[in-house]
Amino acid sequence: MGKYILKRLLWMIVIILGTSFIIFTILYFTPGDPARMIAGGNATAEEVENLRHIMGLDQSYFQQLKTYFSDTFLHFDLGTSWVYNKPVIDEMRTRLPRTVIIGLSAMALNLAIGLLMGIFASTHEGKWQDSLTMGIAMVFISCPDFWVALMLILLLSAKLGILPSYGIGGAEYYVMPIICSAIGGIAVNARQTRASMLGVFREDYITTARAKGQRERKVVFRHMLPNALMPIITSIGNGFARIVAGSAVIESVFSVPGIGLYLLTAINARDYPVVRSCVLFFAAFTSIAMLLVDLVYAFVDPRIKAQYSSARRGGAGK
């Protein structure tokens, strides 16, 4: 098992380094001059050139790349925002809890509701309950996040006045962002759970369990669900990464000062240190989510354990 975890950790490092290289290269070759944009239209050529020197933009591609990798991965320095003149790591530390709260809460919501919807649909296969549940899931997955956000603002804020429409404060400010973030994941988890449950519905051990007179609830949750977990785990891991990585849209609509809105603002302002740091964060977060999925695989699927156990025994035999 240790070898399996080590292998996944090494892949995670490769992914993070590769993502950092790609985003740096893309931003470097993006047309336009960030110094000119930040200095403003009234700045003289000398002032713009002086700003380019301060920002390090007058160096060659390889010099800038070397400095970026050295500062980020050797000194753990994400740089200073060109626009706000504040250390990026300090601003991200302030904004990160808001993004994580929305992401974790949305994941818990779509996991609980999605699993229950999928189980309910699979146990009523071919009936109106199945059609209704999958119809609701189809509606959820077809609605863009920003459209759902605008509709919720119109209904719950403008019409009913029961929830604030933007900003950050108490728990009530998180309700609509969490709902919008969770809707797509609910649909995905419901459809995946239904498909996985139907895959084991008519297996021999399910028939045997029913023949022994076990209650249907016990058959579903003790025998069917554990054996249908593998595809569901994949869906959950991908959904968790997707919620956090897609937070820019939700945070922009509701004006939540999180990592997503920080990234979106930096892209518009050509604030490259912030853009690189936010993309690096999302890459690391996604890699960690996928690592956790792989670890859950290793504990849930005995074939993975057997694979690495047999490899260890084979190496010892030699």
C-alpha atoms as a PDB file:
ATOM      1  CA  MET A   1       0.000   0.000   0.000  1.00  0.00           C
ATOM      2  CA  GLY A   2       2.886   2.354   0.749  1.00  0.00           C
ATOM      3  CA  LYS A   3       4.228   1.895  -2.766  1.00  0.00           C
ATOM      4  CA  TYR A   4       0.810   2.687  -4.209  1.00  0.00           C
ATOM      5  CA  ILE A   5       0.547   5.923  -2.182  1.00  0.00           C
ATOM      6  CA  LEU A   6       4.102   6.944  -3.101  1.00  0.00           C
ATOM      7  CA  LYS A   7       3.372   6.421  -6.780  1.00  0.00           C
ATOM      8  CA  ARG A   8       0.283   8.644  -6.587  1.00  0.00           C
ATOM      9  CA  LEU A   9       2.202  11.338  -4.688  1.00  0.00           C
ATOM     10  CA  LEU A  10       4.911  11.389  -7.348  1.00  0.00           C
ATOM     11  CA  TRP A  11       2.289  11.768 -10.072  1.00  0.00           C
ATOM     12  CA  MET A  12       0.727  14.635  -8.118  1.00  0.00           C
ATOM     13  CA  ILE A  13       4.072  16.447  -8.024  1.00  0.00           C
ATOM     14  CA  VAL A  14       4.508  15.969 -11.773  1.00  0.00           C
ATOM     15  CA  ILE A  15       1.020  17.348 -12.436  1.00  0.00           C
ATOM     16  CA  ILE A  16       1.591  20.429 -10.278  1.00  0.00           C
ATOM     17  CA  LEU A  17       4.964  21.175 -11.890  1.00  0.00           C
ATOM     18  CA  GLY A  18       3.544  20.617 -15.381  1.00  0.00           C
ATOM     19  CA  THR A  19       0.580  22.890 -14.690  1.00  0.00           C
ATOM     20  CA  SER A  20       2.887  25.617 -13.376  1.00  0.00           C
ATOM     21  CA  PHE A  21       5.036  25.430 -16.493  1.00  0.00           C
ATOM     22  CA  ILE A  22       2.032  25.524 -18.841  1.00  0.00           C
ATOM     23  CA  ILE A  23       0.280  28.479 -17.181  1.00  0.00           C
ATOM     24  CA  PHE A  24       3.543  30.444 -17.004  1.00  0.00           C
ATOM     25  CA  THR A  25       4.222  29.829 -20.700  1.00  0.00           C
ATOM     26  CA  ILE A  26       0.672  30.729 -21.742  1.00  0.00           C
ATOM     27  CA  LEU A  27       0.775  34.011 -19.823  1.00  0.00           C
ATOM     28  CA  TYR A  28       4.240  34.880 -21.119  1.00  0.00           C
ATOM     29  CA  PHE A  29       3.217  34.517 -24.762  1.00  0.00           C
ATOM     30  CA  THR A  30      -0.186  36.162 -24.313  1.00  0.00           C
ATOM     31  CA  PRO A  31      -0.311  39.310 -26.520  1.00  0.00           C
ATOM     32  CA  GLY A  32      -0.271  42.649 -24.756  1.00  0.00           C
ATOM     33  CA  ASP A  33       1.834  44.419 -22.169  1.00  0.00           C
ATOM     34  CA  PRO A  34       0.686  44.049 -18.534  1.00  0.00           C
ATOM     35  CA  ALA A  35       2.896  46.976 -17.519  1.00  0.00           C
ATOM     36  CA  ARG A  36       1.146  49.295 -19.978  1.00  0.00           C
ATOM     37  CA  MET A  37      -2.276  48.155 -18.769  1.00  0.00           C
ATOM     38  CA  ILE A  38      -1.425  48.541 -15.085  1.00  0.00           C
ATOM     39  CA  ALA A  39       0.376  51.889 -15.557  1.00  0.00           C
ATOM     40  CA  GLY A  40      -2.640  53.372 -17.325  1.00  0.00           C
ATOM     41  CA  GLY A  41      -3.126  55.190 -20.594  1.00  0.00           C
ATOM     42  CA  ASN A  42      -1.542  58.447 -19.366  1.00  0.00           C
ATOM     43  CA  ALA A  43       1.783  56.862 -18.381  1.00  0.00           C
ATOM     44  CA  THR A  44       4.859  57.825 -20.374  1.00  0.00           C
ATOM     45  CA  ALA A  45       7.034  55.278 -22.183  1.00  0.00           C
ATOM     46  CA  GLU A  46       9.748  55.779 -19.561  1.00  0.00           C
ATOM     47  CA  GLU A  47       7.310  55.089 -16.724  1.00  0.00           C
ATOM     48  CA  VAL A  48       6.032  51.954 -18.453  1.00  0.00           C
ATOM     49  CA  GLU A  49       9.563  50.708 -19.041  1.00  0.00           C
ATOM     50  CA  ASN A  50      10.492  51.366 -15.425  1.00  0.00           C
ATOM     51  CA  LEU A  51       7.401  49.415 -14.303  1.00  0.00           C
ATOM     52  CA  ARG A  52       8.315  46.539 -16.629  1.00  0.00           C
ATOM     53  CA  HIS A  53      11.747  46.415 -14.981  1.00  0.00           C
ATOM     54  CA  ILE A  54      10.217  46.382 -11.487  1.00  0.00           C
ATOM     55  CA  MET A  55       7.831  43.582 -12.517  1.00  0.00           C
ATOM     56  CA  GLY A  56      10.679  41.618 -14.123  1.00  0.00           C
ATOM     57  CA  LEU A  57       9.053  41.645 -17.548  1.00  0.00           C
ATOM     58  CA  ASP A  58      12.217  42.923 -19.242  1.00  0.00           C
ATOM     59  CA  GLN A  59      13.957  39.583 -18.603  1.00  0.00           C
ATOM     60  CA  SER A  60      14.027  36.708 -21.062  1.00  0.00           C
ATOM     61  CA  TYR A  61      11.555  33.828 -20.960  1.00  0.00           C
ATOM     62  CA  PHE A  62      14.021  31.411 -19.354  1.00  0.00           C
ATOM     63  CA  GLN A  63      15.158  33.952 -16.751  1.00  0.00           C
ATOM     64  CA  GLN A  64      11.573  34.642 -15.722  1.00  0.00           C
ATOM     65  CA  LEU A  65      10.753  30.911 -15.689  1.00  0.00           C
ATOM     66  CA  LYS A  66      13.777  30.155 -13.510  1.00  0.00           C
ATOM     67  CA  THR A  67      12.866  32.937 -11.075  1.00  0.00           C
ATOM     68  CA  TYR A  68       9.247  31.802 -10.925  1.00  0.00           C
ATOM     69  CA  PHE A  69      10.075  28.145 -10.191  1.00  0.00           C
ATOM     70  CA  SER A  70      12.756  29.102  -7.683  1.00  0.00           C
ATOM     71  CA  ASP A  71      10.517  31.494  -5.771  1.00  0.00           C
ATOM     72  CA  THR A  72       7.479  29.206  -5.847  1.00  0.00           C
ATOM     73  CA  PHE A  73       8.906  25.751  -5.165  1.00  0.00           C
ATOM     74  CA  LEU A  74      12.162  26.485  -3.349  1.00  0.00           C
ATOM     75  CA  HIS A  75      11.267  29.565  -1.303  1.00  0.00           C
ATOM     76  CA  PHE A  76       7.471  29.040  -1.245  1.00  0.00           C
ATOM     77  CA  ASP A  77       6.961  32.651  -2.294  1.00  0.00           C
ATOM     78  CA  LEU A  78       3.959  33.223  -4.582  1.00  0.00           C
ATOM     79  CA  GLY A  79       4.990  36.803  -5.268  1.00  0.00           C
ATOM     80  CA  THR A  80       3.234  40.130  -4.858  1.00  0.00           C
ATOM     81  CA  SER A  81       0.135  41.274  -6.684  1.00  0.00           C
ATOM     82  CA  TRP A  82       0.995  43.833  -9.354  1.00  0.00           C
ATOM     83  CA  VAL A  83      -2.356  45.570  -8.964  1.00  0.00           C
ATOM     84  CA  TYR A  84      -2.901  45.555  -5.184  1.00  0.00           C
ATOM     85  CA  ASN A  85       0.780  45.456  -4.169  1.00  0.00           C
ATOM     86  CA  LYS A  86       0.032  42.831  -1.513  1.00  0.00           C
ATOM     87  CA  PRO A  87       1.620  39.394  -1.026  1.00  0.00           C
ATOM     88  CA  VAL A  88      -0.477  36.847  -2.909  1.00  0.00           C
ATOM     89  CA  ILE A  89      -0.158  34.234  -0.168  1.00  0.00           C
ATOM     90  CA  ASP A  90      -1.683  36.611   2.419  1.00  0.00           C
ATOM     91  CA  GLU A  91      -4.654  37.425   0.212  1.00  0.00           C
ATOM     92  CA  MET A  92      -5.214  33.762  -0.648  1.00  0.00           C
ATOM     93  CA  ARG A  93      -5.056  32.835   3.045  1.00  0.00           C
ATOM     94  CA  THR A  94      -7.877  35.307   3.698  1.00  0.00           C
ATOM     95  CA  ARG A  95     -10.020  34.186   0.771  1.00  0.00           C
ATOM     96  CA  LEU A  96      -9.430  30.431   0.933  1.00  0.00           C
ATOM     97  CA  PRO A  97     -11.850  29.624   3.815  1.00  0.00           C
ATOM     98  CA  ARG A  98     -14.790  31.122   1.887  1.00  0.00           C
ATOM     99  CA  THR A  99     -14.097  29.037  -1.202  1.00  0.00           C
ATOM    100  CA  VAL A 100     -13.564  25.881   0.848  1.00  0.00           C
ATOM    101  CA  ILE A 101     -16.750  26.431   2.878  1.00  0.00           C
ATOM    102  CA  ILE A 102     -18.810  26.715  -0.298  1.00  0.00           C
ATOM    103  CA  GLY A 103     -17.044  23.755  -1.914  1.00  0.00           C
ATOM    104  CA  LEU A 104     -17.269  21.372   1.062  1.00  0.00           C
ATOM    105  CA  SER A 105     -20.870  22.300   1.836  1.00  0.00           C
ATOM    106  CA  ALA A 106     -21.921  21.903  -1.789  1.00  0.00           C
ATOM    107  CA  MET A 107     -20.129  18.563  -1.987  1.00  0.00           C
ATOM    108  CA  ALA A 108     -21.862  17.267   1.139  1.00  0.00           C
ATOM    109  CA  LEU A 109     -25.220  18.438  -0.233  1.00  0.00           C
ATOM    110  CA  ASN A 110     -24.866  16.935  -3.692  1.00  0.00           C
ATOM    111  CA  LEU A 111     -23.442  13.712  -2.255  1.00  0.00           C
ATOM    112  CA  ALA A 112     -26.306  13.173   0.191  1.00  0.00           C
ATOM    113  CA  ILE A 113     -29.120  14.164  -2.162  1.00  0.00           C
ATOM    114  CA  GLY A 114     -27.539  12.614  -5.269  1.00  0.00           C
ATOM    115  CA  LEU A 115     -26.982   9.236  -3.607  1.00  0.00           C
ATOM    116  CA  LEU A 116     -30.512   9.133  -2.229  1.00  0.00           C
ATOM    117  CA  MET A 117     -32.000  10.107  -5.591  1.00  0.00           C
ATOM    118  CA  GLY A 118     -29.945   7.462  -7.406  1.00  0.00           C
ATOM    119  CA  ILE A 119     -30.831   4.734  -4.898  1.00  0.00           C
ATOM    120  CA  PHE A 120     -34.517   5.705  -5.037  1.00  0.00           C
ATOM    121  CA  ALA A 121     -34.552   5.643  -8.842  1.00  0.00           C
ATOM    122  CA  SER A 122     -32.743   2.306  -9.096  1.00  0.00           C
ATOM    123  CA  THR A 123     -35.081   0.591  -6.629  1.00  0.00           C
ATOM    124  CA  HIS A 124     -38.075   1.796  -8.700  1.00  0.00           C
ATOM    125  CA  GLU A 125     -36.621   0.979 -12.113  1.00  0.00           C
ATOM    126  CA  GLY A 126     -39.092   1.496 -14.969  1.00  0.00           C
ATOM    127  CA  LYS A 127     -41.725   3.092 -12.729  1.00  0.00           C
ATOM    128  CA  TRP A 128     -42.925   6.681 -12.610  1.00  0.00           C
ATOM    129  CA  GLN A 129     -40.707   7.351  -9.576  1.00  0.00           C
ATOM    130  CA  ASP A 130     -37.676   6.426 -11.669  1.00  0.00           C
ATOM    131  CA  SER A 131     -38.764   8.668 -14.550  1.00  0.00           C
ATOM    132  CA  LEU A 132     -39.541  11.584 -12.244  1.00  0.00           C
ATOM    133  CA  THR A 133     -36.219  11.343 -10.395  1.00  0.00           C
ATOM    134  CA  MET A 134     -34.165  11.135 -13.575  1.00  0.00           C
ATOM    135  CA  GLY A 135     -36.223  13.940 -15.086  1.00  0.00           C
ATOM    136  CA  ILE A 136     -35.326  16.174 -12.158  1.00  0.00           C
ATOM    137  CA  ALA A 137     -31.665  15.167 -12.537  1.00  0.00           C
ATOM    138  CA  MET A 138     -31.812  16.024 -16.247  1.00  0.00           C
ATOM    139  CA  VAL A 139     -33.198  19.473 -15.458  1.00  0.00           C
ATOM    140  CA  PHE A 140     -30.493  20.042 -12.831  1.00  0.00           C
ATOM    141  CA  ILE A 141     -27.644  19.039 -15.124  1.00  0.00           C
ATOM    142  CA  SER A 142     -29.002  21.156 -18.002  1.00  0.00           C
ATOM    143  CA  CYS A 143     -29.166  24.416 -16.039  1.00  0.00           C
ATOM    144  CA  PRO A 144     -25.992  26.579 -16.148  1.00  0.00           C
ATOM    145  CA  ASP A 145     -24.714  27.663 -12.759  1.00  0.00           C
ATOM    146  CA  PHE A 146     -24.881  31.368 -13.542  1.00  0.00           C
ATOM    147  CA  TRP A 147     -28.501  31.096 -14.728  1.00  0.00           C
ATOM    148  CA  VAL A 148     -29.532  29.256 -11.563  1.00  0.00           C
ATOM    149  CA  ALA A 149     -27.721  31.914  -9.516  1.00  0.00           C
ATOM    150  CA  LEU A 150     -29.585  34.740 -11.243  1.00  0.00           C
ATOM    151  CA  MET A 151     -32.938  32.985 -10.830  1.00  0.00           C
ATOM    152  CA  LEU A 152     -32.299  32.434  -7.120  1.00  0.00           C
ATOM    153  CA  ILE A 153     -31.362  36.089  -6.680  1.00  0.00           C
ATOM    154  CA  LEU A 154     -34.565  37.177  -8.409  1.00  0.00           C
ATOM    155  CA  LEU A 155     -36.726  34.822  -6.350  1.00  0.00           C
ATOM    156  CA  LEU A 156     -35.151  34.727  -2.891  1.00  0.00           C
ATOM    157  CA  SER A 157     -33.674  38.228  -2.779  1.00  0.00           C
ATOM    158  CA  ALA A 158     -35.586  40.525  -5.105  1.00  0.00           C
ATOM    159  CA  LYS A 159     -39.065  38.981  -4.719  1.00  0.00           C
ATOM    160  CA  LEU A 160     -39.126  37.367  -1.269  1.00  0.00           C
ATOM    161  CA  GLY A 161     -36.295  39.261   0.395  1.00  0.00           C
ATOM    162  CA  ILE A 162     -35.310  36.344   2.632  1.00  0.00           C
ATOM    163  CA  LEU A 163     -31.648  36.049   1.611  1.00  0.00           C
ATOM    164  CA  PRO A 164     -28.926  38.591   0.751  1.00  0.00           C
ATOM    165  CA  SER A 165     -28.079  38.713  -2.946  1.00  0.00           C
ATOM    166  CA  TYR A 166     -24.335  39.371  -2.733  1.00  0.00           C
ATOM    167  CA  GLY A 167     -21.364  39.864  -0.452  1.00  0.00           C
ATOM    168  CA  ILE A 168     -20.219  37.963   2.587  1.00  0.00           C
ATOM    169  CA  GLY A 169     -21.293  37.945   6.218  1.00  0.00           C
ATOM    170  CA  GLY A 170     -23.211  35.380   8.248  1.00  0.00           C
ATOM    171  CA  ALA A 171     -24.345  31.908   7.248  1.00  0.00           C
ATOM    172  CA  GLU A 172     -27.247  33.288   5.188  1.00  0.00           C
ATOM    173  CA  TYR A 173     -24.778  34.696   2.643  1.00  0.00           C
ATOM    174  CA  TYR A 174     -23.580  31.182   1.799  1.00  0.00           C
ATOM    175  CA  VAL A 175     -26.989  29.577   1.163  1.00  0.00           C
ATOM    176  CA  MET A 176     -27.499  30.530  -2.477  1.00  0.00           C
ATOM    177  CA  PRO A 177     -23.845  30.002  -3.548  1.00  0.00           C
ATOM    178  CA  ILE A 178     -23.901  26.519  -1.997  1.00  0.00           C
ATOM    179  CA  ILE A 179     -27.188  25.606  -3.706  1.00  0.00           C
ATOM    180  CA  CYS A 180     -25.910  26.794  -7.093  1.00  0.00           C
ATOM    181  CA  SER A 181     -22.640  24.900  -6.683  1.00  0.00           C
ATOM    182  CA  ALA A 182     -24.430  21.698  -5.653  1.00  0.00           C
ATOM    183  CA  ILE A 183     -27.157  21.415  -8.301  1.00  0.00           C
ATOM    184  CA  GLY A 184     -24.962  20.043 -11.093  1.00  0.00           C
ATOM    185  CA  GLY A 185     -23.263  17.574  -8.749  1.00  0.00           C
ATOM    186  CA  ILE A 186     -26.613  16.303  -7.472  1.00  0.00           C
ATOM    187  CA  ALA A 187     -27.619  15.372 -11.006  1.00  0.00           C
ATOM    188  CA  VAL A 188     -24.288  13.701 -11.809  1.00  0.00           C
ATOM    189  CA  ASN A 189     -24.243  11.680  -8.567  1.00  0.00           C
ATOM    190  CA  ALA A 190     -27.889  10.653  -8.981  1.00  0.00           C
ATOM    191  CA  ARG A 191     -27.373   9.360 -12.525  1.00  0.00           C
ATOM    192  CA  GLN A 192     -24.105   7.610 -11.656  1.00  0.00           C
ATOM    193  CA  THR A 193     -25.554   6.000  -8.526  1.00  0.00           C
ATOM    194  CA  ARG A 194     -28.603   4.738 -10.414  1.00  0.00           C
ATOM    195  CA  ALA A 195     -26.431   3.221 -13.171  1.00  0.00           C
ATOM    196  CA  SER A 196     -24.067   1.592 -10.658  1.00  0.00           C
ATOM    197  CA  MET A 197     -26.896   0.196  -8.539  1.00  0.00           C
ATOM    198  CA  LEU A 198     -28.655  -1.276 -11.585  1.00  0.00           C
ATOM    199  CA  GLY A 199     -25.361  -2.914 -12.542  1.00  0.00           C
ATOM    200  CA  VAL A 200     -25.468  -5.081  -9.406  1.00  0.00           C
ATOM    201  CA  PHE A 201     -29.250  -5.266  -9.029  1.00  0.00           C
ATOM    202  CA  ARG A 202     -29.599  -8.770 -10.478  1.00  0.00           C
ATOM    203  CA  GLU A 203     -26.333 -10.308  -9.316  1.00  0.00           C
ATOM    204  CA  ASP A 204     -26.530 -13.758  -7.731  1.00  0.00           C
ATOM    205  CA  TYR A 205     -25.551 -12.565  -4.251  1.00  0.00           C
ATOM    206  CA  ILE A 206     -28.410 -10.031  -4.321  1.00  0.00           C
ATOM    207  CA  THR A 207     -30.855 -12.773  -5.269  1.00  0.00           C
ATOM    208  CA  THR A 208     -29.444 -14.970  -2.492  1.00  0.00           C
ATOM    209  CA  ALA A 209     -29.790 -12.179   0.072  1.00  0.00           C
ATOM    210  CA  ARG A 210     -33.413 -11.677  -0.880  1.00  0.00           C
ATOM    211  CA  ALA A 211     -34.040 -15.442  -0.830  1.00  0.00           C
ATOM    212  CA  LYS A 212     -32.800 -15.525   2.771  1.00  0.00           C
ATOM    213  CA  GLY A 213     -35.598 -13.150   3.657  1.00  0.00           C
ATOM    214  CA  GLN A 214     -33.472 -10.095   4.377  1.00  0.00           C
ATOM    215  CA  ARG A 215     -35.278  -6.768   4.405  1.00  0.00           C
ATOM    216  CA  GLU A 216     -35.027  -4.722   1.206  1.00  0.00           C
ATOM    217  CA  ARG A 217     -33.364  -1.814   3.013  1.00  0.00           C
ATOM    218  CA  LYS A 218     -30.630  -4.123   4.283  1.00  0.00           C
ATOM    219  CA  VAL A 219     -30.170  -5.641   0.823  1.00  0.00           C
ATOM    220  CA  VAL A 220     -29.800  -2.197  -0.728  1.00  0.00           C
ATOM    221  CA  PHE A 221     -27.449  -0.591   1.792  1.00  0.00           C
ATOM    222  CA  ARG A 222     -25.414  -3.605   2.942  1.00  0.00           C
ATOM    223  CA  HIS A 223     -25.063  -5.593  -0.293  1.00  0.00           C
ATOM    224  CA  MET A 224     -25.878  -3.447  -3.315  1.00  0.00           C
ATOM    225  CA  LEU A 225     -24.404  -0.059  -2.429  1.00  0.00           C
ATOM    226  CA  PRO A 226     -20.928  -1.259  -1.271  1.00  0.00           C
ATOM    227  CA  ASN A 227     -20.485  -3.219  -4.509  1.00  0.00           C
ATOM    228  CA  ALA A 228     -21.593  -0.265  -6.637  1.00  0.00           C
ATOM    229  CA  LEU A 229     -19.269   2.239  -4.958  1.00  0.00           C
ATOM    230  CA  MET A 230     -16.318   2.290  -7.366  1.00  0.00           C
ATOM    231  CA  PRO A 231     -17.891   4.361 -10.181  1.00  0.00           C
ATOM    232  CA  ILE A 232     -19.645   6.502  -7.561  1.00  0.00           C
ATOM    233  CA  ILE A 233     -16.326   7.295  -5.865  1.00  0.00           C
ATOM    234  CA  THR A 234     -14.917   8.478  -9.197  1.00  0.00           C
ATOM    235  CA  SER A 235     -17.934  10.704  -9.719  1.00  0.00           C
ATOM    236  CA  ILE A 236     -17.592  12.152  -6.215  1.00  0.00           C
ATOM    237  CA  GLY A 237     -13.887  12.936  -6.650  1.00  0.00           C
ATOM    238  CA  ASN A 238     -14.386  14.592 -10.021  1.00  0.00           C
ATOM    239  CA  GLY A 239     -17.348  16.539  -8.678  1.00  0.00           C
ATOM    240  CA  PHE A 240     -15.397  17.860  -5.713  1.00  0.00           C
ATOM    241  CA  ALA A 241     -12.595  19.114  -7.951  1.00  0.00           C
ATOM    242  CA  ARG A 242     -15.106  20.592 -10.384  1.00  0.00           C
ATOM    243  CA  ILE A 243     -16.971  22.520  -7.672  1.00  0.00           C
ATOM    244  CA  VAL A 244     -13.859  24.248  -6.340  1.00  0.00           C
ATOM    245  CA  ALA A 245     -12.263  24.824  -9.751  1.00  0.00           C
ATOM    246  CA  GLY A 246     -15.533  26.264 -11.051  1.00  0.00           C
ATOM    247  CA  SER A 247     -15.982  28.609  -8.111  1.00  0.00           C
ATOM    248  CA  ALA A 248     -15.073  31.666 -10.197  1.00  0.00           C
ATOM    249  CA  VAL A 249     -18.538  31.806 -11.766  1.00  0.00           C
ATOM    250  CA  ILE A 250     -20.452  31.420  -8.491  1.00  0.00           C
ATOM    251  CA  GLU A 251     -18.236  33.836  -6.568  1.00  0.00           C
ATOM    252  CA  SER A 252     -18.473  36.371  -9.382  1.00  0.00           C
ATOM    253  CA  VAL A 253     -22.277  36.309  -9.492  1.00  0.00           C
ATOM    254  CA  PHE A 254     -22.670  36.569  -5.710  1.00  0.00           C
ATOM    255  CA  SER A 255     -19.617  38.820  -5.177  1.00  0.00           C
ATOM    256  CA  VAL A 256     -18.083  36.362  -2.711  1.00  0.00           C
ATOM    257  CA  PRO A 257     -14.431  37.388  -2.115  1.00  0.00           C
ATOM    258  CA  GLY A 258     -12.968  33.923  -2.549  1.00  0.00           C
ATOM    259  CA  ILE A 259     -10.204  32.375  -4.624  1.00  0.00           C
ATOM    260  CA  GLY A 260     -12.384  32.109  -7.737  1.00  0.00           C
ATOM    261  CA  LEU A 261     -13.273  35.810  -7.799  1.00  0.00           C
ATOM    262  CA  TYR A 262      -9.628  36.646  -7.028  1.00  0.00           C
ATOM    263  CA  LEU A 263      -8.573  34.697 -10.121  1.00  0.00           C
ATOM    264  CA  LEU A 264     -11.228  36.255 -12.344  1.00  0.00           C
ATOM    265  CA  THR A 265     -10.297  39.780 -11.262  1.00  0.00           C
ATOM    266  CA  ALA A 266      -6.601  39.057 -11.809  1.00  0.00           C
ATOM    267  CA  ILE A 267      -7.228  37.748 -15.337  1.00  0.00           C
ATOM    268  CA  ASN A 268      -9.070  40.936 -16.270  1.00  0.00           C
ATOM    269  CA  ALA A 269      -6.299  43.080 -14.763  1.00  0.00           C
ATOM    270  CA  ARG A 270      -3.435  40.985 -16.234  1.00  0.00           C
ATOM    271  CA  ASP A 271      -2.138  40.421 -12.700  1.00  0.00           C
ATOM    272  CA  TYR A 272       0.066  37.449 -13.599  1.00  0.00           C
ATOM    273  CA  PRO A 273       1.402  36.534 -10.113  1.00  0.00           C
ATOM    274  CA  VAL A 274      -2.184  36.168  -8.875  1.00  0.00           C
ATOM    275  CA  VAL A 275      -3.287  34.200 -11.955  1.00  0.00           C
ATOM    276  CA  ARG A 276      -0.354  31.787 -11.676  1.00  0.00           C
ATOM    277  CA  SER A 277      -0.887  31.288  -7.940  1.00  0.00           C
ATOM    278  CA  CYS A 278      -4.643  30.681  -8.243  1.00  0.00           C
ATOM    279  CA  VAL A 279      -4.201  28.201 -11.090  1.00  0.00           C
ATOM    280  CA  LEU A 280      -1.489  26.454  -9.080  1.00  0.00           C
ATOM    281  CA  PHE A 281      -3.847  26.262  -6.111  1.00  0.00           C
ATOM    282  CA  PHE A 282      -6.650  24.761  -8.203  1.00  0.00           C
ATOM    283  CA  ALA A 283      -4.228  22.254  -9.734  1.00  0.00           C
ATOM    284  CA  ALA A 284      -2.969  21.229  -6.285  1.00  0.00           C
ATOM    285  CA  PHE A 285      -6.499  21.026  -4.909  1.00  0.00           C
ATOM    286  CA  THR A 286      -7.664  18.882  -7.829  1.00  0.00           C
ATOM    287  CA  SER A 287      -4.610  16.636  -7.502  1.00  0.00           C
ATOM    288  CA  ILE A 288      -5.269  16.153  -3.796  1.00  0.00           C
ATOM    289  CA  ALA A 289      -8.913  15.319  -4.511  1.00  0.00           C
ATOM    290  CA  MET A 290      -7.863  12.726  -7.075  1.00  0.00           C
ATOM    291  CA  LEU A 291      -5.245  11.352  -4.656  1.00  0.00           C
ATOM    292  CA  LEU A 292      -7.934  10.872  -2.011  1.00  0.00           C
ATOM    293  CA  VAL A 293     -10.104   9.101  -4.585  1.00  0.00           C
ATOM    294  CA  ASP A 294      -7.206   6.778  -5.421  1.00  0.00           C
ATOM    295  CA  LEU A 295      -6.622   6.060  -1.728  1.00  0.00           C
ATOM    296  CA  VAL A 296     -10.293   5.256  -1.241  1.00  0.00           C
ATOM    297  CA  TYR A 297     -10.011   2.941  -4.260  1.00  0.00           C
ATOM    298  CA  ALA A 298      -7.110   1.176  -2.590  1.00  0.00           C
ATOM    299  CA  PHE A 299      -9.090   0.553   0.589  1.00  0.00           C
ATOM    300  CA  VAL A 300     -12.382  -0.312  -1.109  1.00  0.00           C
ATOM    301  CA  ASP A 301     -11.139  -2.454  -4.000  1.00  0.00           C
ATOM    302  CA  PRO A 302      -9.305  -5.595  -2.786  1.00  0.00           C
ATOM    303  CA  ARG A 303      -7.791  -6.077  -6.254  1.00  0.00           C
ATOM    304  CA  ILE A 304      -5.512  -3.057  -5.789  1.00  0.00           C
ATOM    305  CA  LYS A 305      -4.337  -4.368  -2.420  1.00  0.00           C
ATOM    306  CA  ALA A 306      -3.714  -7.782  -3.954  1.00  0.00           C
ATOM    307  CA  GLN A 307      -1.765  -6.262  -6.840  1.00  0.00           C
ATOM    308  CA  TYR A 308       0.733  -4.471  -4.605  1.00  0.00           C
ATOM    309  CA  SER A 309       0.861  -7.280  -2.051  1.00  0.00           C
ATOM    310  CA  SER A 310       1.740  -9.810  -4.764  1.00  0.00           C
ATOM    311  CA  ALA A 311       4.359  -7.444  -6.190  1.00  0.00           C
ATOM    312  CA  ARG A 312       5.934  -7.096  -2.737  1.00  0.00           C
ATOM    313  CA  ARG A 313       5.950 -10.857  -2.191  1.00  0.00           C
ATOM    314  CA  GLY A 314       7.428 -11.375  -5.643  1.00  0.00           C
ATOM    315  CA  GLY A 315      10.224  -8.913  -4.903  1.00  0.00           C
ATOM    316  CA  ALA A 316      10.949 -10.591  -1.576  1.00  0.00           C
ATOM    317  CA  GLY A 317      11.060 -13.991  -3.256  1.00  0.00           C
ATOM    318  CA  LYS A 318      13.742 -12.852  -5.620  1.00  0.00           C
END
